[in-house]
C-alpha atoms as a PDB file:
ATOM      1  CA  MET A   1     -17.742  -9.758   9.402  1.00  0.00           C
ATOM      2  CA  PRO A   2     -21.193  -8.114   9.150  1.00  0.00           C
ATOM      3  CA  LEU A   3     -21.549  -5.263   6.666  1.00  0.00           C
ATOM      4  CA  GLU A   4     -24.061  -2.445   6.428  1.00  0.00           C
ATOM      5  CA  ALA A   5     -24.666   0.596   4.246  1.00  0.00           C
ATOM      6  CA  GLY A   6     -21.773   3.023   4.519  1.00  0.00           C
ATOM      7  CA  ASP A   7     -19.076   0.411   5.140  1.00  0.00           C
ATOM      8  CA  ILE A   8     -15.854   0.481   3.143  1.00  0.00           C
ATOM      9  CA  VAL A   9     -14.037  -2.858   3.047  1.00  0.00           C
ATOM     10  CA  ILE A  10     -10.465  -3.247   1.816  1.00  0.00           C
ATOM     11  CA  LEU A  11      -8.625  -6.533   1.269  1.00  0.00           C
ATOM     12  CA  PRO A  12      -5.002  -5.257   1.173  1.00  0.00           C
ATOM     13  CA  HIS A  13      -3.481  -8.612   0.257  1.00  0.00           C
ATOM     14  CA  GLY A  14      -6.187  -9.792  -2.136  1.00  0.00           C
ATOM     15  CA  ASN A  15      -7.291 -12.669   0.117  1.00  0.00           C
ATOM     16  CA  LYS A  16      -9.992 -14.966  -1.162  1.00  0.00           C
ATOM     17  CA  HIS A  17     -13.288 -14.357   0.590  1.00  0.00           C
ATOM     18  CA  LEU A  18     -16.990 -15.223   0.528  1.00  0.00           C
ATOM     19  CA  MET A  19     -19.865 -12.748   0.490  1.00  0.00           C
ATOM     20  CA  GLY A  20     -23.486 -13.579   1.039  1.00  0.00           C
ATOM     21  CA  ASN A  21     -26.786 -12.802   2.723  1.00  0.00           C
ATOM     22  CA  GLY A  22     -29.223 -15.289   4.171  1.00  0.00           C
ATOM     23  CA  PRO A  23     -28.904 -19.092   4.233  1.00  0.00           C
ATOM     24  CA  PRO A  24     -25.738 -20.676   2.775  1.00  0.00           C
ATOM     25  CA  VAL A  25     -25.828 -21.317  -0.964  1.00  0.00           C
ATOM     26  CA  THR A  26     -23.303 -22.526  -3.495  1.00  0.00           C
ATOM     27  CA  PRO A  27     -20.990 -19.517  -4.038  1.00  0.00           C
ATOM     28  CA  ILE A  28     -20.296 -18.065  -7.475  1.00  0.00           C
ATOM     29  CA  ASP A  29     -16.654 -17.725  -8.474  1.00  0.00           C
ATOM     30  CA  SER A  30     -16.488 -13.990  -9.142  1.00  0.00           C
ATOM     31  CA  ALA A  31     -13.090 -14.307 -10.846  1.00  0.00           C
ATOM     32  CA  THR A  32     -14.679 -16.326 -13.640  1.00  0.00           C
ATOM     33  CA  HIS A  33     -17.779 -14.148 -13.698  1.00  0.00           C
ATOM     34  CA  LEU A  34     -15.840 -10.879 -13.894  1.00  0.00           C
ATOM     35  CA  LYS A  35     -13.781 -12.083 -16.848  1.00  0.00           C
ATOM     36  CA  GLN A  36     -17.009 -12.339 -18.814  1.00  0.00           C
ATOM     37  CA  VAL A  37     -18.199  -8.948 -17.558  1.00  0.00           C
ATOM     38  CA  PHE A  38     -14.960  -7.223 -18.609  1.00  0.00           C
ATOM     39  CA  ALA A  39     -14.814  -9.086 -21.924  1.00  0.00           C
ATOM     40  CA  GLU A  40     -18.255  -7.668 -22.743  1.00  0.00           C
ATOM     41  CA  GLY A  41     -17.162  -4.166 -21.756  1.00  0.00           C
ATOM     42  CA  ARG A  42     -19.718  -3.886 -18.970  1.00  0.00           C
ATOM     43  CA  ILE A  43     -19.233  -2.037 -15.670  1.00  0.00           C
ATOM     44  CA  LEU A  44     -22.342  -3.432 -13.963  1.00  0.00           C
ATOM     45  CA  SER A  45     -22.547  -7.010 -12.705  1.00  0.00           C
ATOM     46  CA  GLN A  46     -25.663  -8.645 -11.264  1.00  0.00           C
ATOM     47  CA  LEU A  47     -25.552 -11.794  -9.139  1.00  0.00           C
ATOM     48  CA  GLY A  48     -28.026 -13.773  -7.069  1.00  0.00           C
ATOM     49  CA  GLY A  49     -31.699 -12.851  -7.062  1.00  0.00           C
ATOM     50  CA  GLY A  50     -34.943 -13.244  -5.174  1.00  0.00           C
ATOM     51  CA  GLY A  51     -34.023 -11.132  -2.163  1.00  0.00           C
ATOM     52  CA  GLU A  52     -33.580  -7.501  -1.276  1.00  0.00           C
ATOM     53  CA  THR A  53     -31.134  -5.747  -3.588  1.00  0.00           C
ATOM     54  CA  THR A  54     -27.700  -4.904  -2.247  1.00  0.00           C
ATOM     55  CA  LYS A  55     -25.520  -2.553  -4.294  1.00  0.00           C
ATOM     56  CA  LEU A  56     -21.730  -2.688  -4.014  1.00  0.00           C
ATOM     57  CA  VAL A  57     -19.131  -0.399  -5.572  1.00  0.00           C
ATOM     58  CA  CYS A  58     -16.019  -2.470  -6.269  1.00  0.00           C
ATOM     59  CA  GLY A  59     -12.551  -1.609  -7.494  1.00  0.00           C
ATOM     60  CA  TYR A  60      -8.893  -2.441  -7.090  1.00  0.00           C
ATOM     61  CA  LEU A  61      -5.524  -0.753  -6.878  1.00  0.00           C
ATOM     62  CA  THR A  62      -2.092  -2.156  -7.649  1.00  0.00           C
ATOM     63  CA  CYS A  63       1.306  -1.009  -6.445  1.00  0.00           C
ATOM     64  CA  ASP A  64       4.920  -1.881  -7.078  1.00  0.00           C
ATOM     65  CA  PRO A  65       5.582  -5.186  -5.256  1.00  0.00           C
ATOM     66  CA  GLN A  66       8.974  -4.056  -4.001  1.00  0.00           C
ATOM     67  CA  LEU A  67       7.970  -0.628  -2.700  1.00  0.00           C
ATOM     68  CA  GLY A  68       4.664  -1.918  -1.387  1.00  0.00           C
ATOM     69  CA  GLN A  69       6.239  -4.694   0.661  1.00  0.00           C
ATOM     70  CA  VAL A  70       7.153  -2.528   3.652  1.00  0.00           C
ATOM     71  CA  PHE A  71       3.803  -0.759   3.633  1.00  0.00           C
ATOM     72  CA  LEU A  72       1.459  -3.673   2.843  1.00  0.00           C
ATOM     73  CA  ALA A  73       3.141  -5.979   5.345  1.00  0.00           C
ATOM     74  CA  GLY A  74       1.773  -3.738   8.078  1.00  0.00           C
ATOM     75  CA  LEU A  75      -1.835  -4.112   6.959  1.00  0.00           C
ATOM     76  CA  PRO A  76      -4.265  -6.782   8.210  1.00  0.00           C
ATOM     77  CA  THR A  77      -6.053  -9.160   5.855  1.00  0.00           C
ATOM     78  CA  ILE A  78      -9.225  -7.069   5.950  1.00  0.00           C
ATOM     79  CA  ILE A  79     -10.034  -3.459   6.859  1.00  0.00           C
ATOM     80  CA  LYS A  80     -13.529  -2.111   7.489  1.00  0.00           C
ATOM     81  CA  VAL A  81     -14.354   1.569   7.960  1.00  0.00           C
ATOM     82  CA  GLN A  82     -17.825   3.108   8.381  1.00  0.00           C
ATOM     83  CA  ILE A  83     -18.188   6.500   6.688  1.00  0.00           C
ATOM     84  CA  ARG A  84     -21.735   7.338   7.805  1.00  0.00           C
ATOM     85  CA  ASP A  85     -20.938   7.592  11.498  1.00  0.00           C
ATOM     86  CA  ASN A  86     -19.910  11.269  11.296  1.00  0.00           C
ATOM     87  CA  PRO A  87     -20.632  14.236   9.010  1.00  0.00           C
ATOM     88  CA  SER A  88     -17.095  14.297   7.570  1.00  0.00           C
ATOM     89  CA  GLY A  89     -17.795  11.015   5.805  1.00  0.00           C
ATOM     90  CA  GLN A  90     -20.265  12.700   3.470  1.00  0.00           C
ATOM     91  CA  TRP A  91     -17.553  13.885   1.081  1.00  0.00           C
ATOM     92  CA  LEU A  92     -16.259  10.316   0.810  1.00  0.00           C
ATOM     93  CA  GLU A  93     -19.700   9.047  -0.078  1.00  0.00           C
ATOM     94  CA  ASP A  94     -20.154  11.858  -2.593  1.00  0.00           C
ATOM     95  CA  THR A  95     -16.789  10.950  -4.134  1.00  0.00           C
ATOM     96  CA  PHE A  96     -17.889   7.329  -4.501  1.00  0.00           C
ATOM     97  CA  ARG A  97     -21.099   8.444  -6.182  1.00  0.00           C
ATOM     98  CA  TYR A  98     -19.160  10.696  -8.540  1.00  0.00           C
ATOM     99  CA  SER A  99     -16.812   7.824  -9.412  1.00  0.00           C
ATOM    100  CA  VAL A 100     -19.747   5.543 -10.183  1.00  0.00           C
ATOM    101  CA  ASP A 101     -21.492   8.177 -12.304  1.00  0.00           C
ATOM    102  CA  HIS A 102     -18.297   8.724 -14.315  1.00  0.00           C
ATOM    103  CA  ALA A 103     -17.009   5.147 -14.262  1.00  0.00           C
ATOM    104  CA  GLU A 104     -16.919   4.831 -18.032  1.00  0.00           C
ATOM    105  CA  ALA A 105     -14.563   7.837 -18.126  1.00  0.00           C
ATOM    106  CA  SER A 106     -15.145   8.482 -21.822  1.00  0.00           C
ATOM    107  CA  GLY A 107     -14.333  12.216 -21.735  1.00  0.00           C
ATOM    108  CA  PRO A 108     -10.872  13.786 -21.959  1.00  0.00           C
ATOM    109  CA  GLY A 109      -8.840  12.954 -18.848  1.00  0.00           C
ATOM    110  CA  GLY A 110     -11.691  10.926 -17.387  1.00  0.00           C
ATOM    111  CA  ALA A 111      -9.609   7.825 -16.689  1.00  0.00           C
ATOM    112  CA  ALA A 112      -6.938   9.901 -14.926  1.00  0.00           C
ATOM    113  CA  VAL A 113      -9.565  11.549 -12.716  1.00  0.00           C
ATOM    114  CA  ILE A 114     -11.062   8.211 -11.684  1.00  0.00           C
ATOM    115  CA  ALA A 115      -7.592   6.774 -10.977  1.00  0.00           C
ATOM    116  CA  LYS A 116      -6.677   9.695  -8.720  1.00  0.00           C
ATOM    117  CA  LEU A 117     -10.024   9.554  -6.941  1.00  0.00           C
ATOM    118  CA  SER A 118      -9.419   5.865  -6.243  1.00  0.00           C
ATOM    119  CA  GLU A 119      -6.073   6.690  -4.653  1.00  0.00           C
ATOM    120  CA  VAL A 120      -7.630   9.441  -2.534  1.00  0.00           C
ATOM    121  CA  LEU A 121     -10.391   7.115  -1.348  1.00  0.00           C
ATOM    122  CA  PHE A 122      -7.845   4.444  -0.422  1.00  0.00           C
ATOM    123  CA  VAL A 123      -5.641   6.877   1.517  1.00  0.00           C
ATOM    124  CA  GLU A 124      -8.577   8.476   3.328  1.00  0.00           C
ATOM    125  CA  THR A 125      -9.920   5.061   4.312  1.00  0.00           C
ATOM    126  CA  LEU A 126      -6.500   4.129   5.706  1.00  0.00           C
ATOM    127  CA  ARG A 127      -6.332   7.418   7.623  1.00  0.00           C
ATOM    128  CA  ARG A 128      -9.654   6.625   9.272  1.00  0.00           C
ATOM    129  CA  TYR A 129      -8.534   3.079  10.027  1.00  0.00           C
ATOM    130  CA  ILE A 130      -5.286   4.314  11.596  1.00  0.00           C
ATOM    131  CA  ALA A 131      -7.224   6.768  13.767  1.00  0.00           C
ATOM    132  CA  GLN A 132      -9.270   3.848  15.123  1.00  0.00           C
ATOM    133  CA  LEU A 133      -6.267   1.728  16.119  1.00  0.00           C
ATOM    134  CA  PRO A 134      -5.983   1.111  19.876  1.00  0.00           C
ATOM    135  CA  GLN A 135      -3.216   2.954  21.690  1.00  0.00           C
ATOM    136  CA  THR A 136      -1.500  -0.378  22.426  1.00  0.00           C
ATOM    137  CA  GLN A 137      -1.218  -1.222  18.718  1.00  0.00           C
ATOM    138  CA  LYS A 138       2.251  -1.742  17.267  1.00  0.00           C
ATOM    139  CA  GLY A 139       3.510  -2.006  13.692  1.00  0.00           C
ATOM    140  CA  TRP A 140       4.052   0.297  10.728  1.00  0.00           C
ATOM    141  CA  LEU A 141       0.616   1.917  10.775  1.00  0.00           C
ATOM    142  CA  ALA A 142       0.751   2.615  14.493  1.00  0.00           C
ATOM    143  CA  GLY A 143       4.219   4.076  13.988  1.00  0.00           C
ATOM    144  CA  VAL A 144       2.875   6.407  11.303  1.00  0.00           C
ATOM    145  CA  ARG A 145       0.246   7.669  13.753  1.00  0.00           C
ATOM    146  CA  ASP A 146       2.816   8.442  16.444  1.00  0.00           C
ATOM    147  CA  PRO A 147       3.886  12.097  15.969  1.00  0.00           C
ATOM    148  CA  ASP A 148       7.616  11.478  16.472  1.00  0.00           C
ATOM    149  CA  VAL A 149       8.027   8.096  14.794  1.00  0.00           C
ATOM    150  CA  GLY A 150       5.694   9.222  12.015  1.00  0.00           C
ATOM    151  CA  LYS A 151       7.873  12.272  11.371  1.00  0.00           C
ATOM    152  CA  ALA A 152      10.997  10.107  11.312  1.00  0.00           C
ATOM    153  CA  LEU A 153       9.392   7.716   8.826  1.00  0.00           C
ATOM    154  CA  ALA A 154       8.322  10.622   6.627  1.00  0.00           C
ATOM    155  CA  LEU A 155      11.867  12.006   6.565  1.00  0.00           C
ATOM    156  CA  LEU A 156      13.385   8.627   5.706  1.00  0.00           C
ATOM    157  CA  HIS A 157      10.872   8.065   2.904  1.00  0.00           C
ATOM    158  CA  GLN A 158      11.169  11.579   1.495  1.00  0.00           C
ATOM    159  CA  ARG A 159      14.984  11.687   1.515  1.00  0.00           C
ATOM    160  CA  PRO A 160      16.257   8.084   1.496  1.00  0.00           C
ATOM    161  CA  ALA A 161      19.597   8.975  -0.147  1.00  0.00           C
ATOM    162  CA  HIS A 162      20.419  11.607   2.472  1.00  0.00           C
ATOM    163  CA  PRO A 163      23.433  10.601   4.637  1.00  0.00           C
ATOM    164  CA  TRP A 164      21.284  10.055   7.714  1.00  0.00           C
ATOM    165  CA  THR A 165      22.691   9.202  11.104  1.00  0.00           C
ATOM    166  CA  ILE A 166      20.652   8.511  14.208  1.00  0.00           C
ATOM    167  CA  ALA A 167      21.918  11.860  15.535  1.00  0.00           C
ATOM    168  CA  SER A 168      20.860  13.924  12.500  1.00  0.00           C
ATOM    169  CA  LEU A 169      17.476  12.177  12.282  1.00  0.00           C
ATOM    170  CA  ALA A 170      16.808  12.667  15.993  1.00  0.00           C
ATOM    171  CA  LYS A 171      17.701  16.349  15.686  1.00  0.00           C
ATOM    172  CA  GLU A 172      15.182  16.901  12.878  1.00  0.00           C
ATOM    173  CA  VAL A 173      12.491  15.005  14.771  1.00  0.00           C
ATOM    174  CA  GLY A 174      13.247  16.925  17.956  1.00  0.00           C
ATOM    175  CA  LEU A 175      14.136  13.991  20.218  1.00  0.00           C
ATOM    176  CA  SER A 176      17.291  12.611  21.758  1.00  0.00           C
ATOM    177  CA  ARG A 177      18.944   9.712  19.954  1.00  0.00           C
ATOM    178  CA  SER A 178      18.072   7.237  22.694  1.00  0.00           C
ATOM    179  CA  VAL A 179      14.401   8.258  22.892  1.00  0.00           C
ATOM    180  CA  LEU A 180      13.940   8.118  19.099  1.00  0.00           C
ATOM    181  CA  ALA A 181      15.620   4.707  18.914  1.00  0.00           C
ATOM    182  CA  GLU A 182      13.451   3.401  21.752  1.00  0.00           C
ATOM    183  CA  ARG A 183      10.188   4.696  20.278  1.00  0.00           C
ATOM    184  CA  PHE A 184      11.102   3.454  16.795  1.00  0.00           C
ATOM    185  CA  ARG A 185      11.919  -0.010  18.077  1.00  0.00           C
ATOM    186  CA  HIS A 186       8.705  -0.068  20.146  1.00  0.00           C
ATOM    187  CA  TYR A 187       6.536   0.311  17.041  1.00  0.00           C
ATOM    188  CA  LEU A 188       8.594  -1.281  14.271  1.00  0.00           C
ATOM    189  CA  SER A 189      10.895  -3.729  16.124  1.00  0.00           C
ATOM    190  CA  ASP A 190      13.800  -2.186  14.222  1.00  0.00           C
ATOM    191  CA  THR A 191      16.264   0.679  14.510  1.00  0.00           C
ATOM    192  CA  PRO A 192      15.854   3.812  12.351  1.00  0.00           C
ATOM    193  CA  MET A 193      19.063   3.007  10.464  1.00  0.00           C
ATOM    194  CA  GLY A 194      18.066  -0.620  10.012  1.00  0.00           C
ATOM    195  CA  TYR A 195      14.702   0.481   8.601  1.00  0.00           C
ATOM    196  CA  LEU A 196      16.438   2.984   6.310  1.00  0.00           C
ATOM    197  CA  THR A 197      18.718   0.269   4.950  1.00  0.00           C
ATOM    198  CA  ARG A 198      15.781  -1.969   4.082  1.00  0.00           C
ATOM    199  CA  TRP A 199      13.878   0.930   2.482  1.00  0.00           C
ATOM    200  CA  ARG A 200      16.884   1.927   0.369  1.00  0.00           C
ATOM    201  CA  LEU A 201      17.278  -1.635  -0.865  1.00  0.00           C
ATOM    202  CA  GLN A 202      13.564  -1.899  -1.721  1.00  0.00           C
ATOM    203  CA  LEU A 203      13.904   1.310  -3.735  1.00  0.00           C
ATOM    204  CA  ALA A 204      17.004  -0.072  -5.418  1.00  0.00           C
ATOM    205  CA  ALA A 205      15.204  -3.269  -6.398  1.00  0.00           C
ATOM    206  CA  GLN A 206      12.417  -1.221  -7.967  1.00  0.00           C
ATOM    207  CA  VAL A 207      14.867   0.929  -9.953  1.00  0.00           C
ATOM    208  CA  LEU A 208      16.837  -2.109 -11.109  1.00  0.00           C
ATOM    209  CA  THR A 209      13.752  -3.801 -12.537  1.00  0.00           C
ATOM    210  CA  SER A 210      12.148  -0.697 -14.062  1.00  0.00           C
ATOM    211  CA  THR A 211      15.138   1.097 -15.624  1.00  0.00           C
ATOM    212  CA  SER A 212      18.388   0.345 -17.452  1.00  0.00           C
ATOM    213  CA  LYS A 213      20.545   2.295 -15.008  1.00  0.00           C
ATOM    214  CA  SER A 214      23.836   0.688 -14.056  1.00  0.00           C
ATOM    215  CA  VAL A 215      24.307  -0.884 -10.639  1.00  0.00           C
ATOM    216  CA  ALA A 216      26.671   1.957  -9.714  1.00  0.00           C
ATOM    217  CA  GLU A 217      24.042   4.551 -10.667  1.00  0.00           C
ATOM    218  CA  VAL A 218      21.387   2.770  -8.640  1.00  0.00           C
ATOM    219  CA  ALA A 219      23.715   2.519  -5.651  1.00  0.00           C
ATOM    220  CA  GLY A 220      24.346   6.254  -5.674  1.00  0.00           C
ATOM    221  CA  GLU A 221      20.682   7.062  -6.215  1.00  0.00           C
ATOM    222  CA  VAL A 222      19.620   5.279  -3.027  1.00  0.00           C
ATOM    223  CA  GLY A 223      22.407   6.629  -0.849  1.00  0.00           C
ATOM    224  CA  TYR A 224      25.389   4.270  -1.192  1.00  0.00           C
ATOM    225  CA  GLU A 225      28.769   5.897  -1.857  1.00  0.00           C
ATOM    226  CA  SER A 226      30.427   2.542  -2.605  1.00  0.00           C
ATOM    227  CA  GLU A 227      29.191   0.052  -5.189  1.00  0.00           C
ATOM    228  CA  PRO A 228      30.807  -2.934  -3.366  1.00  0.00           C
ATOM    229  CA  SER A 229      29.056  -2.044  -0.099  1.00  0.00           C
ATOM    230  CA  PHE A 230      25.783  -1.725  -1.986  1.00  0.00           C
ATOM    231  CA  ASN A 231      26.322  -5.126  -3.601  1.00  0.00           C
ATOM    232  CA  ARG A 232      26.967  -6.749  -0.219  1.00  0.00           C
ATOM    233  CA  ALA A 233      23.919  -5.143   1.416  1.00  0.00           C
ATOM    234  CA  PHE A 234      21.690  -6.045  -1.537  1.00  0.00           C
ATOM    235  CA  LYS A 235      22.797  -9.676  -1.499  1.00  0.00           C
ATOM    236  CA  ARG A 236      22.117  -9.926   2.249  1.00  0.00           C
ATOM    237  CA  GLU A 237      18.574  -8.650   1.664  1.00  0.00           C
ATOM    238  CA  PHE A 238      17.633 -10.494  -1.533  1.00  0.00           C
ATOM    239  CA  GLY A 239      20.019 -13.449  -1.602  1.00  0.00           C
ATOM    240  CA  VAL A 240      21.578 -12.520  -4.960  1.00  0.00           C
ATOM    241  CA  PRO A 241      23.704  -9.593  -6.265  1.00  0.00           C
ATOM    242  CA  PRO A 242      21.888  -6.660  -7.919  1.00  0.00           C
ATOM    243  CA  ALA A 243      22.800  -7.617 -11.516  1.00  0.00           C
ATOM    244  CA  ARG A 244      21.541 -11.171 -11.078  1.00  0.00           C
ATOM    245  CA  PHE A 245      18.391  -9.923  -9.324  1.00  0.00           C
ATOM    246  CA  ARG A 246      17.652  -7.734 -12.351  1.00  0.00           C
ATOM    247  CA  SER A 247      18.137 -10.538 -14.870  1.00  0.00           C
ATOM    248  CA  GLN A 248      16.143 -13.075 -12.841  1.00  0.00           C
ATOM    249  CA  THR A 249      13.260 -10.651 -12.357  1.00  0.00           C
ATOM    250  CA  LYS A 250      13.129  -9.793 -16.056  1.00  0.00           C
ATOM    251  CA  ARG A 251      13.157 -13.497 -17.009  1.00  0.00           C
ATOM    252  CA  ALA A 252      10.303 -14.154 -14.599  1.00  0.00           C
ATOM    253  CA  HIS A 253       8.279 -11.282 -16.103  1.00  0.00           C
ATOM    254  CA  ARG A 254       8.827 -12.597 -19.631  1.00  0.00           C
ATOM    255  CA  LYS A 255       7.552 -16.018 -18.599  1.00  0.00           C
ATOM    256  CA  ASN A 256       4.442 -14.480 -17.087  1.00  0.00           C
END
């Protein structure tokens, strides 16, 4: 994939990749190199030599593996967006420059500012990528772009514990039940209620592993009135009951 000045490249799944310019050479393992850079407290890394200088601004974001599963699964292995092809990209470039100039974030609140700017840059890049998707595209991102399916997804994510039915969701979106179900299935290959069930269970898994709330409390928090029904749904999704999922996850984290 050729790159030029003004390109933003995102590797949503952290895939291994090679970067270079000119004839093939023996690549440098950046993972090993960056460990040394960070250990020395540096923010600038220099590699290669002898050719024209190319400057790259690099960074990374992490998200909860459970909550990010639905979202990240809809992203390709690599995303490229050009921000110099229209005037509106200037603020993005200015934001990058600001982030670089304040990368050491030594002042009060500096680290928080840089973290929030990173999130804004990531979201804006995704918005531009979504806008470029062909009209025939399917999947989560294409569904977000669709006005009706996107509104339904927003409602389900904002109020997952609400006692949704296909009728109440369709009413808020402004479509008939059959049309909403058809459009939802077209983009996500799932029904709205099926998607809601999976999202509730992903939320539950995150709460189980990050808090000490009881299984009954978690069940109610994500929209289940009955703890047994929650246990059955959770086991279908994750293969084990909620309590065992919590203990296994915590053991795995301790080992790591």
